Amino acid sequence: MNNIYTSKSPHLDLHGETLATLDYLVLSFIKDNVKMGNKYIAIIHGWNSTILKKRVYELLKTNKNVLSYYIDIHNIGQTIVELDV
Protein backbone atom coordinates (compact mmCIF):
# COMPACT_ATOMS: atom_id res chain seq x y z
CA MET A 1 0.00 0.00 0.00
CA ASN A 2 1.45 3.36 -1.01
CA ASN A 3 1.33 5.98 1.65
CA ILE A 4 0.24 9.47 0.62
CA TYR A 5 3.24 11.04 2.31
CA THR A 6 5.89 9.02 0.52
CA SER A 7 4.12 8.71 -2.81
CA LYS A 8 2.92 12.32 -3.20
CA SER A 9 4.91 14.47 -0.76
CA PRO A 10 8.63 15.17 -0.52
CA HIS A 11 10.47 12.57 1.50
CA LEU A 12 13.99 12.05 2.77
CA ASP A 13 15.24 8.48 3.09
CA LEU A 14 17.95 8.14 5.73
CA HIS A 15 18.62 4.42 5.26
CA GLY A 16 22.37 3.88 5.24
CA GLU A 17 23.20 7.35 6.56
CA THR A 18 25.36 7.98 9.62
CA LEU A 19 24.94 10.43 12.47
CA ALA A 20 27.79 12.45 10.96
CA THR A 21 25.69 13.34 7.90
CA LEU A 22 22.24 13.25 9.47
CA ASP A 23 22.07 16.82 10.82
CA TYR A 24 23.02 18.38 7.50
CA LEU A 25 20.60 16.22 5.50
CA VAL A 26 17.59 16.77 7.76
CA LEU A 27 18.11 20.49 8.31
CA SER A 28 18.74 21.15 4.62
CA PHE A 29 15.67 19.11 3.67
CA ILE A 30 13.48 21.12 6.05
CA LYS A 31 14.93 24.45 4.88
CA ASP A 32 14.45 23.58 1.20
CA ASN A 33 10.85 22.47 1.72
CA VAL A 34 9.97 25.61 3.67
CA LYS A 35 11.34 27.67 0.76
CA MET A 36 9.24 25.63 -1.68
CA GLY A 37 6.11 26.05 0.45
CA ASN A 38 5.57 22.36 1.20
CA LYS A 39 3.36 21.96 4.27
CA TYR A 40 4.04 18.24 4.87
CA ILE A 41 7.15 16.15 4.41
CA ALA A 42 8.17 12.63 5.39
CA ILE A 43 11.45 11.56 6.90
CA ILE A 44 12.18 7.86 6.55
CA HIS A 45 14.44 6.70 9.38
CA GLY A 46 13.58 3.01 9.45
CA TRP A 47 11.67 1.10 12.09
CA ASN A 48 14.71 -0.57 13.61
CA SER A 49 17.07 2.41 13.76
CA THR A 50 16.38 4.00 17.12
CA ILE A 51 19.63 5.99 17.04
CA LEU A 52 18.72 7.75 13.79
CA LYS A 53 15.12 8.27 14.88
CA LYS A 54 16.19 9.75 18.21
CA ARG A 55 18.51 12.26 16.51
CA VAL A 56 15.87 13.18 13.92
CA TYR A 57 13.40 13.89 16.74
CA GLU A 58 15.97 16.05 18.56
CA LEU A 59 16.42 18.11 15.39
CA LEU A 60 12.67 18.40 14.78
CA LYS A 61 11.96 19.41 18.38
CA THR A 62 14.30 22.40 18.22
CA ASN A 63 13.60 23.55 14.64
CA LYS A 64 11.50 26.73 14.47
CA ASN A 65 10.08 25.70 11.09
CA VAL A 66 8.51 22.51 12.46
CA LEU A 67 4.95 22.80 13.78
CA SER A 68 4.43 19.12 14.59
CA TYR A 69 5.73 15.64 13.83
CA TYR A 70 4.48 12.13 14.43
CA ILE A 71 5.05 8.52 13.45
CA ASP A 72 3.10 7.51 10.37
CA ILE A 73 0.44 5.02 11.51
CA HIS A 74 0.80 3.11 8.23
CA ASN A 75 4.60 2.91 8.39
CA ILE A 76 6.35 3.14 11.75
CA GLY A 77 9.66 3.59 9.93
CA GLN A 78 8.83 7.14 8.92
CA THR A 79 7.86 10.37 10.58
CA ILE A 80 5.44 12.90 9.12
CA VAL A 81 6.47 16.51 9.65
CA GLU A 82 4.20 19.56 9.42
CA LEU A 83 6.11 22.68 8.47
CA ASP A 84 5.34 26.31 9.23
CA VAL A 85 5.05 27.71 5.69
PDB file of N, CA and C in Angstrom:
ATOM      1  N   MET A   1       0.839  -1.190   0.000  1.00  0.00           N
ATOM      2  CA  MET A   1       0.000   0.000   0.000  1.00  0.00           C
ATOM      3  C   MET A   1       0.877   1.244   0.000  1.00  0.00           C
ATOM      4  N   ASN A   2       0.688   2.109  -0.964  1.00  0.00           N
ATOM      5  CA  ASN A   2       1.445   3.356  -1.011  1.00  0.00           C
ATOM      6  C   ASN A   2       0.879   4.337  -0.008  1.00  0.00           C
ATOM      7  N   ASN A   3       1.742   4.980   0.684  1.00  0.00           N
ATOM      8  CA  ASN A   3       1.334   5.982   1.645  1.00  0.00           C
ATOM      9  C   ASN A   3       1.342   7.333   0.963  1.00  0.00           C
ATOM     10  N   ILE A   4       0.351   8.154   1.255  1.00  0.00           N
ATOM     11  CA  ILE A   4       0.242   9.471   0.616  1.00  0.00           C
ATOM     12  C   ILE A   4       1.489  10.321   0.858  1.00  0.00           C
ATOM     13  N   TYR A   5       2.106  10.182   2.003  1.00  0.00           N
ATOM     14  CA  TYR A   5       3.243  11.040   2.310  1.00  0.00           C
ATOM     15  C   TYR A   5       4.499  10.661   1.534  1.00  0.00           C
ATOM     16  N   THR A   6       4.696   9.396   1.275  1.00  0.00           N
ATOM     17  CA  THR A   6       5.889   9.021   0.520  1.00  0.00           C
ATOM     18  C   THR A   6       5.626   8.945  -0.967  1.00  0.00           C
ATOM     19  N   SER A   7       4.390   8.793  -1.374  1.00  0.00           N
ATOM     20  CA  SER A   7       4.123   8.715  -2.806  1.00  0.00           C
ATOM     21  C   SER A   7       3.834  10.074  -3.423  1.00  0.00           C
ATOM     22  N   LYS A   8       3.304  11.026  -2.655  1.00  0.00           N
ATOM     23  CA  LYS A   8       2.922  12.323  -3.205  1.00  0.00           C
ATOM     24  C   LYS A   8       3.690  13.504  -2.619  1.00  0.00           C
ATOM     25  N   SER A   9       4.227  13.357  -1.435  1.00  0.00           N
ATOM     26  CA  SER A   9       4.909  14.468  -0.764  1.00  0.00           C
ATOM     27  C   SER A   9       6.416  14.246  -0.774  1.00  0.00           C
ATOM     28  N   PRO A  10       7.175  15.320  -0.595  1.00  0.00           N
ATOM     29  CA  PRO A  10       8.631  15.173  -0.521  1.00  0.00           C
ATOM     30  C   PRO A  10       9.023  14.278   0.653  1.00  0.00           C
ATOM     31  N   HIS A  11      10.011  13.445   0.427  1.00  0.00           N
ATOM     32  CA  HIS A  11      10.475  12.575   1.503  1.00  0.00           C
ATOM     33  C   HIS A  11      11.995  12.440   1.455  1.00  0.00           C
ATOM     34  N   LEU A  12      12.550  12.228   2.615  1.00  0.00           N
ATOM     35  CA  LEU A  12      13.989  12.053   2.774  1.00  0.00           C
ATOM     36  C   LEU A  12      14.220  10.664   3.357  1.00  0.00           C
ATOM     37  N   ASP A  13      14.953   9.837   2.640  1.00  0.00           N
ATOM     38  CA  ASP A  13      15.240   8.477   3.092  1.00  0.00           C
ATOM     39  C   ASP A  13      16.630   8.447   3.716  1.00  0.00           C
ATOM     40  N   LEU A  14      16.685   8.131   5.000  1.00  0.00           N
ATOM     41  CA  LEU A  14      17.946   8.139   5.733  1.00  0.00           C
ATOM     42  C   LEU A  14      18.583   6.754   5.864  1.00  0.00           C
ATOM     43  N   HIS A  15      18.020   5.751   5.206  1.00  0.00           N
ATOM     44  CA  HIS A  15      18.620   4.416   5.259  1.00  0.00           C
ATOM     45  C   HIS A  15      20.073   4.481   4.792  1.00  0.00           C
ATOM     46  N   GLY A  16      20.956   3.920   5.588  1.00  0.00           N
ATOM     47  CA  GLY A  16      22.368   3.880   5.237  1.00  0.00           C
ATOM     48  C   GLY A  16      23.158   5.113   5.637  1.00  0.00           C
ATOM     49  N   GLU A  17      22.494   6.129   6.147  1.00  0.00           N
ATOM     50  CA  GLU A  17      23.203   7.346   6.565  1.00  0.00           C
ATOM     51  C   GLU A  17      23.782   7.174   7.965  1.00  0.00           C
ATOM     52  N   THR A  18      24.744   8.008   8.302  1.00  0.00           N
ATOM     53  CA  THR A  18      25.356   7.975   9.623  1.00  0.00           C
ATOM     54  C   THR A  18      24.967   9.241  10.385  1.00  0.00           C
ATOM     55  N   LEU A  19      25.230   9.234  11.667  1.00  0.00           N
ATOM     56  CA  LEU A  19      24.945  10.428  12.471  1.00  0.00           C
ATOM     57  C   LEU A  19      25.775  11.622  12.010  1.00  0.00           C
ATOM     58  N   ALA A  20      26.926  11.362  11.418  1.00  0.00           N
ATOM     59  CA  ALA A  20      27.793  12.447  10.960  1.00  0.00           C
ATOM     60  C   ALA A  20      27.152  13.256   9.837  1.00  0.00           C
ATOM     61  N   THR A  21      26.333  12.641   9.010  1.00  0.00           N
ATOM     62  CA  THR A  21      25.695  13.338   7.896  1.00  0.00           C
ATOM     63  C   THR A  21      24.241  13.691   8.166  1.00  0.00           C
ATOM     64  N   LEU A  22      23.670  13.121   9.189  1.00  0.00           N
ATOM     65  CA  LEU A  22      22.236  13.251   9.469  1.00  0.00           C
ATOM     66  C   LEU A  22      21.785  14.695   9.683  1.00  0.00           C
ATOM     67  N   ASP A  23      22.475  15.440  10.520  1.00  0.00           N
ATOM     68  CA  ASP A  23      22.070  16.817  10.821  1.00  0.00           C
ATOM     69  C   ASP A  23      21.970  17.655   9.547  1.00  0.00           C
ATOM     70  N   TYR A  24      23.008  17.601   8.731  1.00  0.00           N
ATOM     71  CA  TYR A  24      23.020  18.382   7.498  1.00  0.00           C
ATOM     72  C   TYR A  24      21.864  17.985   6.579  1.00  0.00           C
ATOM     73  N   LEU A  25      21.655  16.695   6.393  1.00  0.00           N
ATOM     74  CA  LEU A  25      20.600  16.220   5.496  1.00  0.00           C
ATOM     75  C   LEU A  25      19.213  16.652   5.957  1.00  0.00           C
ATOM     76  N   VAL A  26      18.919  16.448   7.230  1.00  0.00           N
ATOM     77  CA  VAL A  26      17.587  16.765   7.755  1.00  0.00           C
ATOM     78  C   VAL A  26      17.348  18.273   7.748  1.00  0.00           C
ATOM     79  N   LEU A  27      18.297  19.042   8.242  1.00  0.00           N
ATOM     80  CA  LEU A  27      18.111  20.493   8.314  1.00  0.00           C
ATOM     81  C   LEU A  27      18.030  21.127   6.923  1.00  0.00           C
ATOM     82  N   SER A  28      18.811  20.647   5.994  1.00  0.00           N
ATOM     83  CA  SER A  28      18.740  21.148   4.619  1.00  0.00           C
ATOM     84  C   SER A  28      17.406  20.786   3.971  1.00  0.00           C
ATOM     85  N   PHE A  29      16.937  19.575   4.216  1.00  0.00           N
ATOM     86  CA  PHE A  29      15.665  19.113   3.670  1.00  0.00           C
ATOM     87  C   PHE A  29      14.509  19.977   4.184  1.00  0.00           C
ATOM     88  N   ILE A  30      14.517  20.261   5.470  1.00  0.00           N
ATOM     89  CA  ILE A  30      13.477  21.121   6.052  1.00  0.00           C
ATOM     90  C   ILE A  30      13.555  22.523   5.443  1.00  0.00           C
ATOM     91  N   LYS A  31      14.739  23.094   5.412  1.00  0.00           N
ATOM     92  CA  LYS A  31      14.926  24.447   4.881  1.00  0.00           C
ATOM     93  C   LYS A  31      14.457  24.543   3.431  1.00  0.00           C
ATOM     94  N   ASP A  32      14.843  23.584   2.613  1.00  0.00           N
ATOM     95  CA  ASP A  32      14.449  23.580   1.202  1.00  0.00           C
ATOM     96  C   ASP A  32      12.933  23.489   1.036  1.00  0.00           C
ATOM     97  N   ASN A  33      12.292  22.652   1.846  1.00  0.00           N
ATOM     98  CA  ASN A  33      10.847  22.472   1.718  1.00  0.00           C
ATOM     99  C   ASN A  33      10.060  23.663   2.245  1.00  0.00           C
ATOM    100  N   VAL A  34      10.598  24.366   3.214  1.00  0.00           N
ATOM    101  CA  VAL A  34       9.972  25.608   3.666  1.00  0.00           C
ATOM    102  C   VAL A  34      10.024  26.627   2.537  1.00  0.00           C
ATOM    103  N   LYS A  35      11.182  26.742   1.890  1.00  0.00           N
ATOM    104  CA  LYS A  35      11.338  27.674   0.764  1.00  0.00           C
ATOM    105  C   LYS A  35      10.369  27.344  -0.371  1.00  0.00           C
ATOM    106  N   MET A  36      10.130  26.044  -0.603  1.00  0.00           N
ATOM    107  CA  MET A  36       9.240  25.626  -1.681  1.00  0.00           C
ATOM    108  C   MET A  36       7.759  25.674  -1.284  1.00  0.00           C
ATOM    109  N   GLY A  37       7.487  25.943  -0.009  1.00  0.00           N
ATOM    110  CA  GLY A  37       6.106  26.050   0.451  1.00  0.00           C
ATOM    111  C   GLY A  37       5.408  24.732   0.694  1.00  0.00           C
ATOM    112  N   ASN A  38       6.170  23.665   0.916  1.00  0.00           N
ATOM    113  CA  ASN A  38       5.569  22.361   1.202  1.00  0.00           C
ATOM    114  C   ASN A  38       5.159  22.275   2.667  1.00  0.00           C
ATOM    115  N   LYS A  39       3.904  22.000   2.912  1.00  0.00           N
ATOM    116  CA  LYS A  39       3.363  21.959   4.275  1.00  0.00           C
ATOM    117  C   LYS A  39       3.745  20.666   4.996  1.00  0.00           C
ATOM    118  N   TYR A  40       3.739  19.539   4.268  1.00  0.00           N
ATOM    119  CA  TYR A  40       4.035  18.236   4.872  1.00  0.00           C
ATOM    120  C   TYR A  40       5.182  17.560   4.151  1.00  0.00           C
ATOM    121  N   ILE A  41       6.056  16.940   4.933  1.00  0.00           N
ATOM    122  CA  ILE A  41       7.154  16.147   4.407  1.00  0.00           C
ATOM    123  C   ILE A  41       7.236  14.859   5.219  1.00  0.00           C
ATOM    124  N   ALA A  42       7.948  13.892   4.673  1.00  0.00           N
ATOM    125  CA  ALA A  42       8.167  12.629   5.389  1.00  0.00           C
ATOM    126  C   ALA A  42       9.664  12.385   5.514  1.00  0.00           C
ATOM    127  N   ILE A  43      10.063  11.934   6.682  1.00  0.00           N
ATOM    128  CA  ILE A  43      11.453  11.557   6.904  1.00  0.00           C
ATOM    129  C   ILE A  43      11.457  10.071   7.236  1.00  0.00           C
ATOM    130  N   ILE A  44      12.127   9.316   6.391  1.00  0.00           N
ATOM    131  CA  ILE A  44      12.181   7.862   6.550  1.00  0.00           C
ATOM    132  C   ILE A  44      13.456   7.507   7.302  1.00  0.00           C
ATOM    133  N   HIS A  45      13.297   7.022   8.531  1.00  0.00           N
ATOM    134  CA  HIS A  45      14.439   6.699   9.383  1.00  0.00           C
ATOM    135  C   HIS A  45      14.568   5.211   9.621  1.00  0.00           C
ATOM    136  N   GLY A  46      13.568   4.449   9.231  1.00  0.00           N
ATOM    137  CA  GLY A  46      13.579   3.007   9.452  1.00  0.00           C
ATOM    138  C   GLY A  46      12.957   2.662  10.798  1.00  0.00           C
ATOM    139  N   TRP A  47      12.370   1.498  10.860  1.00  0.00           N
ATOM    140  CA  TRP A  47      11.674   1.100  12.093  1.00  0.00           C
ATOM    141  C   TRP A  47      12.614   0.493  13.113  1.00  0.00           C
ATOM    142  N   ASN A  48      13.800   0.099  12.697  1.00  0.00           N
ATOM    143  CA  ASN A  48      14.712  -0.572  13.612  1.00  0.00           C
ATOM    144  C   ASN A  48      15.901   0.300  13.995  1.00  0.00           C
ATOM    145  N   SER A  49      15.921   1.534  13.525  1.00  0.00           N
ATOM    146  CA  SER A  49      17.067   2.407  13.756  1.00  0.00           C
ATOM    147  C   SER A  49      16.724   3.458  14.806  1.00  0.00           C
ATOM    148  N   THR A  50      16.763   3.073  16.055  1.00  0.00           N
ATOM    149  CA  THR A  50      16.384   4.000  17.119  1.00  0.00           C
ATOM    150  C   THR A  50      17.379   5.147  17.274  1.00  0.00           C
ATOM    151  N   ILE A  51      18.629   4.927  16.925  1.00  0.00           N
ATOM    152  CA  ILE A  51      19.630   5.988  17.042  1.00  0.00           C
ATOM    153  C   ILE A  51      19.328   7.107  16.046  1.00  0.00           C
ATOM    154  N   LEU A  52      19.052   6.745  14.794  1.00  0.00           N
ATOM    155  CA  LEU A  52      18.715   7.753  13.786  1.00  0.00           C
ATOM    156  C   LEU A  52      17.412   8.462  14.143  1.00  0.00           C
ATOM    157  N   LYS A  53      16.417   7.691  14.531  1.00  0.00           N
ATOM    158  CA  LYS A  53      15.117   8.272  14.875  1.00  0.00           C
ATOM    159  C   LYS A  53      15.255   9.254  16.038  1.00  0.00           C
ATOM    160  N   LYS A  54      16.002   8.879  17.043  1.00  0.00           N
ATOM    161  CA  LYS A  54      16.191   9.748  18.212  1.00  0.00           C
ATOM    162  C   LYS A  54      16.826  11.079  17.800  1.00  0.00           C
ATOM    163  N   ARG A  55      17.846  11.026  16.952  1.00  0.00           N
ATOM    164  CA  ARG A  55      18.512  12.259  16.515  1.00  0.00           C
ATOM    165  C   ARG A  55      17.598  13.099  15.626  1.00  0.00           C
ATOM    166  N   VAL A  56      16.841  12.452  14.747  1.00  0.00           N
ATOM    167  CA  VAL A  56      15.872  13.175  13.917  1.00  0.00           C
ATOM    168  C   VAL A  56      14.889  13.918  14.813  1.00  0.00           C
ATOM    169  N   TYR A  57      14.378  13.255  15.842  1.00  0.00           N
ATOM    170  CA  TYR A  57      13.401  13.886  16.739  1.00  0.00           C
ATOM    171  C   TYR A  57      14.019  15.045  17.521  1.00  0.00           C
ATOM    172  N   GLU A  58      15.291  14.933  17.892  1.00  0.00           N
ATOM    173  CA  GLU A  58      15.971  16.046  18.559  1.00  0.00           C
ATOM    174  C   GLU A  58      16.038  17.257  17.630  1.00  0.00           C
ATOM    175  N   LEU A  59      16.339  17.016  16.370  1.00  0.00           N
ATOM    176  CA  LEU A  59      16.420  18.106  15.393  1.00  0.00           C
ATOM    177  C   LEU A  59      15.044  18.724  15.137  1.00  0.00           C
ATOM    178  N   LEU A  60      14.023  17.892  15.028  1.00  0.00           N
ATOM    179  CA  LEU A  60      12.669  18.397  14.775  1.00  0.00           C
ATOM    180  C   LEU A  60      12.151  19.211  15.954  1.00  0.00           C
ATOM    181  N   LYS A  61      12.453  18.744  17.162  1.00  0.00           N
ATOM    182  CA  LYS A  61      11.960  19.407  18.376  1.00  0.00           C
ATOM    183  C   LYS A  61      12.489  20.832  18.508  1.00  0.00           C
ATOM    184  N   THR A  62      13.687  21.086  18.033  1.00  0.00           N
ATOM    185  CA  THR A  62      14.299  22.398  18.219  1.00  0.00           C
ATOM    186  C   THR A  62      14.244  23.278  16.963  1.00  0.00           C
ATOM    187  N   ASN A  63      13.645  22.784  15.892  1.00  0.00           N
ATOM    188  CA  ASN A  63      13.603  23.550  14.644  1.00  0.00           C
ATOM    189  C   ASN A  63      12.376  24.452  14.626  1.00  0.00           C
ATOM    190  N   LYS A  64      12.588  25.747  14.433  1.00  0.00           N
ATOM    191  CA  LYS A  64      11.499  26.726  14.470  1.00  0.00           C
ATOM    192  C   LYS A  64      10.536  26.593  13.293  1.00  0.00           C
ATOM    193  N   ASN A  65      10.942  25.894  12.252  1.00  0.00           N
ATOM    194  CA  ASN A  65      10.079  25.702  11.087  1.00  0.00           C
ATOM    195  C   ASN A  65       9.150  24.496  11.210  1.00  0.00           C
ATOM    196  N   VAL A  66       9.303  23.717  12.264  1.00  0.00           N
ATOM    197  CA  VAL A  66       8.506  22.507  12.457  1.00  0.00           C
ATOM    198  C   VAL A  66       7.358  22.801  13.421  1.00  0.00           C
ATOM    199  N   LEU A  67       6.129  22.610  12.925  1.00  0.00           N
ATOM    200  CA  LEU A  67       4.947  22.799  13.778  1.00  0.00           C
ATOM    201  C   LEU A  67       4.629  21.541  14.574  1.00  0.00           C
ATOM    202  N   SER A  68       4.704  20.391  13.918  1.00  0.00           N
ATOM    203  CA  SER A  68       4.431  19.123  14.590  1.00  0.00           C
ATOM    204  C   SER A  68       5.082  17.989  13.815  1.00  0.00           C
ATOM    205  N   TYR A  69       5.197  16.845  14.477  1.00  0.00           N
ATOM    206  CA  TYR A  69       5.729  15.644  13.830  1.00  0.00           C
ATOM    207  C   TYR A  69       5.206  14.432  14.578  1.00  0.00           C
ATOM    208  N   TYR A  70       5.029  13.351  13.841  1.00  0.00           N
ATOM    209  CA  TYR A  70       4.476  12.133  14.429  1.00  0.00           C
ATOM    210  C   TYR A  70       4.810  10.934  13.547  1.00  0.00           C
ATOM    211  N   ILE A  71       4.826   9.765  14.171  1.00  0.00           N
ATOM    212  CA  ILE A  71       5.052   8.517  13.447  1.00  0.00           C
ATOM    213  C   ILE A  71       3.865   8.265  12.534  1.00  0.00           C
ATOM    214  N   ASP A  72       4.144   7.869  11.319  1.00  0.00           N
ATOM    215  CA  ASP A  72       3.104   7.507  10.365  1.00  0.00           C
ATOM    216  C   ASP A  72       2.440   6.207  10.843  1.00  0.00           C
ATOM    217  N   ILE A  73       1.137   6.216  10.995  1.00  0.00           N
ATOM    218  CA  ILE A  73       0.440   5.024  11.507  1.00  0.00           C
ATOM    219  C   ILE A  73       0.463   3.866  10.512  1.00  0.00           C
ATOM    220  N   HIS A  74       0.739   4.157   9.242  1.00  0.00           N
ATOM    221  CA  HIS A  74       0.804   3.112   8.229  1.00  0.00           C
ATOM    222  C   HIS A  74       2.216   2.584   8.026  1.00  0.00           C
ATOM    223  N   ASN A  75       3.201   3.298   8.550  1.00  0.00           N
ATOM    224  CA  ASN A  75       4.604   2.909   8.388  1.00  0.00           C
ATOM    225  C   ASN A  75       5.399   3.480   9.556  1.00  0.00           C
ATOM    226  N   ILE A  76       5.662   2.655  10.549  1.00  0.00           N
ATOM    227  CA  ILE A  76       6.354   3.144  11.747  1.00  0.00           C
ATOM    228  C   ILE A  76       7.820   3.485  11.491  1.00  0.00           C
ATOM    229  N   GLY A  77       8.290   3.256  10.286  1.00  0.00           N
ATOM    230  CA  GLY A  77       9.662   3.594   9.929  1.00  0.00           C
ATOM    231  C   GLY A  77       9.806   4.995   9.363  1.00  0.00           C
ATOM    232  N   GLN A  78       8.725   5.765   9.399  1.00  0.00           N
ATOM    233  CA  GLN A  78       8.826   7.140   8.916  1.00  0.00           C
ATOM    234  C   GLN A  78       8.041   8.085   9.811  1.00  0.00           C
ATOM    235  N   THR A  79       8.482   9.320   9.794  1.00  0.00           N
ATOM    236  CA  THR A  79       7.855  10.374  10.577  1.00  0.00           C
ATOM    237  C   THR A  79       7.312  11.420   9.619  1.00  0.00           C
ATOM    238  N   ILE A  80       6.089  11.845   9.884  1.00  0.00           N
ATOM    239  CA  ILE A  80       5.443  12.903   9.116  1.00  0.00           C
ATOM    240  C   ILE A  80       5.715  14.219   9.829  1.00  0.00           C
ATOM    241  N   VAL A  81       6.114  15.228   9.084  1.00  0.00           N
ATOM    242  CA  VAL A  81       6.467  16.510   9.649  1.00  0.00           C
ATOM    243  C   VAL A  81       5.573  17.592   9.025  1.00  0.00           C
ATOM    244  N   GLU A  82       4.965  18.416   9.884  1.00  0.00           N
ATOM    245  CA  GLU A  82       4.195  19.556   9.416  1.00  0.00           C
ATOM    246  C   GLU A  82       5.065  20.804   9.578  1.00  0.00           C
ATOM    247  N   LEU A  83       5.248  21.511   8.466  1.00  0.00           N
ATOM    248  CA  LEU A  83       6.113  22.682   8.465  1.00  0.00           C
ATOM    249  C   LEU A  83       5.306  23.968   8.562  1.00  0.00           C
ATOM    250  N   ASP A  84       5.925  24.991   9.115  1.00  0.00           N
ATOM    251  CA  ASP A  84       5.338  26.307   9.229  1.00  0.00           C
ATOM    252  C   ASP A  84       5.679  27.099   7.969  1.00  0.00           C
ATOM    253  N   VAL A  85       4.801  27.016   6.972  1.00  0.00           N
ATOM    254  CA  VAL A  85       5.050  27.705   5.692  1.00  0.00           C
ATOM    255  C   VAL A  85       4.051  28.818   5.483  1.00  0.00           C
TER     256      VAL A  85
END
